[in-house]
Amino acid sequence: MTAQECSDFNAHVDITGLRAYWTAVGQRTRQVAQALRPEELDEAVDESLLAQAFTNGIIGNERARWVEQLCAGRNKVWLLSLVLWHLAEHLLGEASCVRSQARVAIGL
């Protein structure tokens, strides 16, 4: 997101709705991951489903189209690990941002 998009989002976000969305996505991700059999983890990600996710606006926006190519040809375990790393990047990045804005030492 651009700085302006972040400002607009922050000005209009429904925190209760955002928390409900966070919970729903987390629950569904756990359901899907737990339902996978170990041998399925080595299967390639279905590129048509990935393309459909972008077409339907489920993943990112036009500036994030590079993610589709990043995921092409990868297996399901790789994609699940990407989800975890992406979450960690947001949590660590946002925590660092908040701490720096509060003038609290980041300690990294």
Protein backbone atom coordinates (compact mmCIF):
# COMPACT_ATOMS: atom_id res chain seq x y z
CA MET A 1 0.00 0.00 0.00
CA THR A 2 1.10 3.52 -0.63
CA ALA A 3 1.33 5.99 2.25
CA GLN A 4 -1.88 7.65 1.05
CA GLU A 5 -3.68 4.30 0.85
CA CYS A 6 -2.57 3.55 4.42
CA SER A 7 -3.84 6.92 5.62
CA ASP A 8 -7.18 6.43 3.87
CA PHE A 9 -7.50 2.92 5.25
CA ASN A 10 -6.70 4.05 8.79
CA ALA A 11 -9.26 6.84 8.56
CA HIS A 12 -12.08 4.53 7.48
CA VAL A 13 -11.29 1.06 8.82
CA ASP A 14 -13.93 -0.78 10.82
CA ILE A 15 -11.76 -2.25 13.59
CA THR A 16 -14.43 -4.72 14.70
CA GLY A 17 -14.89 -5.92 11.13
CA LEU A 18 -11.13 -6.10 10.59
CA ARG A 19 -10.67 -8.23 13.71
CA ALA A 20 -13.51 -10.53 12.60
CA TYR A 21 -11.87 -10.85 9.19
CA TRP A 22 -8.47 -11.62 10.81
CA THR A 23 -10.09 -14.34 12.92
CA ALA A 24 -12.00 -15.85 9.99
CA VAL A 25 -8.92 -15.95 7.75
CA GLY A 26 -6.83 -17.48 10.52
CA GLN A 27 -9.43 -20.15 11.23
CA ARG A 28 -9.86 -21.03 7.57
CA THR A 29 -6.09 -21.15 7.00
CA ARG A 30 -5.71 -23.57 9.93
CA GLN A 31 -8.60 -25.72 8.62
CA VAL A 32 -7.07 -26.00 5.16
CA ALA A 33 -3.55 -26.64 6.46
CA GLN A 34 -4.70 -29.28 8.94
CA ALA A 35 -6.74 -31.07 6.26
CA LEU A 36 -3.71 -31.50 4.00
CA ARG A 37 -2.19 -34.96 3.96
CA PRO A 38 1.63 -34.97 4.21
CA GLU A 39 2.02 -36.20 0.63
CA GLU A 40 -0.06 -33.24 -0.62
CA LEU A 41 2.51 -30.76 0.68
CA ASP A 42 4.84 -31.68 -2.19
CA GLU A 43 2.15 -31.06 -4.82
CA ALA A 44 2.47 -27.98 -6.99
CA VAL A 45 0.20 -25.03 -6.30
CA ASP A 46 -2.61 -24.95 -8.87
CA GLU A 47 -1.61 -21.93 -10.97
CA SER A 48 -5.14 -21.49 -12.33
CA LEU A 49 -6.45 -21.08 -8.76
CA LEU A 50 -3.66 -18.62 -8.03
CA ALA A 51 -4.54 -16.60 -11.15
CA GLN A 52 -8.21 -16.72 -10.15
CA ALA A 53 -7.34 -15.34 -6.71
CA PHE A 54 -5.77 -12.29 -8.37
CA THR A 55 -8.60 -11.92 -10.88
CA ASN A 56 -11.18 -11.98 -8.08
CA GLY A 57 -9.19 -9.49 -5.98
CA ILE A 58 -8.57 -12.03 -3.22
CA ILE A 59 -4.82 -11.46 -3.34
CA GLY A 60 -3.46 -7.94 -3.45
CA ASN A 61 -3.89 -5.45 -6.21
CA GLU A 62 -2.22 -4.75 -9.54
CA ARG A 63 1.02 -3.70 -7.83
CA ALA A 64 1.19 -7.19 -6.28
CA ARG A 65 0.94 -9.11 -9.56
CA TRP A 66 4.59 -10.14 -9.18
CA VAL A 67 3.49 -12.48 -6.35
CA GLU A 68 1.70 -14.66 -8.91
CA GLN A 69 4.99 -15.30 -10.71
CA LEU A 70 6.83 -15.77 -7.41
CA CYS A 71 4.43 -18.59 -6.49
CA ALA A 72 4.34 -20.21 -9.94
CA GLY A 73 5.75 -23.71 -9.91
CA ARG A 74 6.05 -23.83 -6.12
CA ASN A 75 4.66 -26.57 -3.94
CA LYS A 76 2.02 -26.23 -1.23
CA VAL A 77 4.47 -26.39 1.67
CA TRP A 78 6.41 -23.50 0.13
CA LEU A 79 3.22 -21.45 -0.18
CA LEU A 80 2.24 -22.18 3.44
CA SER A 81 5.69 -21.08 4.59
CA LEU A 82 5.29 -17.87 2.57
CA VAL A 83 2.03 -17.17 4.42
CA LEU A 84 3.84 -17.55 7.75
CA TRP A 85 6.75 -15.32 6.70
CA HIS A 86 4.34 -12.71 5.37
CA LEU A 87 2.49 -12.62 8.68
CA ALA A 88 5.76 -12.38 10.61
CA GLU A 89 6.93 -9.49 8.42
CA HIS A 90 3.76 -7.56 9.15
CA LEU A 91 3.82 -8.25 12.87
CA LEU A 92 7.50 -7.35 13.26
CA GLY A 93 7.31 -4.38 10.90
CA GLU A 94 4.22 -2.93 12.51
CA ALA A 95 5.55 -3.50 16.02
CA SER A 96 8.79 -1.75 15.08
CA CYS A 97 6.87 1.13 13.51
CA VAL A 98 4.65 1.61 16.57
CA ARG A 99 7.61 1.43 18.93
CA SER A 100 9.58 3.97 16.89
CA GLN A 101 6.59 6.34 16.76
CA ALA A 102 6.29 6.04 20.54
CA ARG A 103 10.03 6.77 20.85
CA VAL A 104 10.62 3.34 22.39
CA ALA A 105 13.92 1.70 21.54
CA ILE A 106 13.43 -1.00 18.95
CA GLY A 107 16.28 -3.14 20.26
CA LEU A 108 16.97 -4.97 17.02
